[in-house]
Amino acid sequence: MFDDFALEAQKKLVSNIDSLSGQTKMFVTKDLGHSFAENFTGLLDEYLRWVIE
């Protein structure tokens, strides 16, 4: 995982969910900032399938 101060709250949330036996996925695309990845719609489909499972 990248060392980024903005990710601290998300890391804490993921840790809390994991501690409750929940399932999490966290993806960070280096150097993308707040922009959408070129393959955003494909990624969104993949992530939504994971959530529905």
Protein backbone atom coordinates (compact mmCIF):
# COMPACT_ATOMS: atom_id res chain seq x y z
CA MET A 1 0.00 0.00 0.00
CA PHE A 2 1.20 3.49 -0.72
CA ASP A 3 2.13 5.82 2.12
CA ASP A 4 -0.53 8.50 1.68
CA PHE A 5 -2.04 10.53 4.52
CA ALA A 6 -5.41 10.60 2.74
CA LEU A 7 -5.71 6.82 3.00
CA GLU A 8 -5.49 6.67 6.80
CA ALA A 9 -9.28 6.88 7.38
CA GLN A 10 -9.94 4.24 4.73
CA LYS A 11 -7.29 1.95 6.22
CA LYS A 12 -8.93 2.30 9.64
CA LEU A 13 -12.36 1.46 8.20
CA VAL A 14 -10.97 -1.59 6.39
CA SER A 15 -9.25 -2.72 9.58
CA ASN A 16 -12.48 -2.35 11.57
CA ILE A 17 -14.47 -4.32 8.99
CA ASP A 18 -11.80 -7.04 8.89
CA SER A 19 -11.82 -7.31 12.69
CA LEU A 20 -15.56 -8.06 12.51
CA SER A 21 -14.90 -10.91 10.03
CA GLY A 22 -16.11 -8.78 7.15
CA GLN A 23 -14.61 -8.83 3.70
CA THR A 24 -12.89 -5.84 2.17
CA LYS A 25 -10.95 -4.89 -0.91
CA MET A 26 -8.94 -1.73 -1.21
CA PHE A 27 -7.33 -0.68 -4.47
CA VAL A 28 -5.02 2.25 -4.96
CA THR A 29 -3.74 3.25 -8.37
CA LYS A 30 -0.38 4.96 -8.04
CA ASP A 31 -0.14 8.51 -9.41
CA LEU A 32 -3.82 8.63 -10.45
CA GLY A 33 -4.87 11.13 -7.79
CA HIS A 34 -8.61 11.79 -7.84
CA SER A 35 -8.99 10.98 -11.53
CA PHE A 36 -10.83 7.93 -12.84
CA ALA A 37 -8.78 5.08 -14.27
CA GLU A 38 -9.06 4.56 -18.04
CA ASN A 39 -10.76 1.21 -17.42
CA PHE A 40 -13.08 2.61 -14.73
CA THR A 41 -16.28 1.05 -16.08
CA GLY A 42 -14.66 -2.39 -16.23
CA LEU A 43 -13.32 -2.00 -12.71
CA LEU A 44 -16.71 -0.84 -11.47
CA ASP A 45 -18.37 -3.93 -12.96
CA GLU A 46 -15.77 -6.16 -11.30
CA TYR A 47 -16.14 -4.50 -7.91
CA LEU A 48 -19.94 -4.58 -8.03
CA ARG A 49 -19.87 -8.30 -8.86
CA TRP A 50 -17.65 -8.81 -5.79
CA VAL A 51 -20.10 -6.89 -3.58
CA ILE A 52 -23.10 -8.86 -4.86
CA GLU A 53 -21.40 -12.21 -4.20
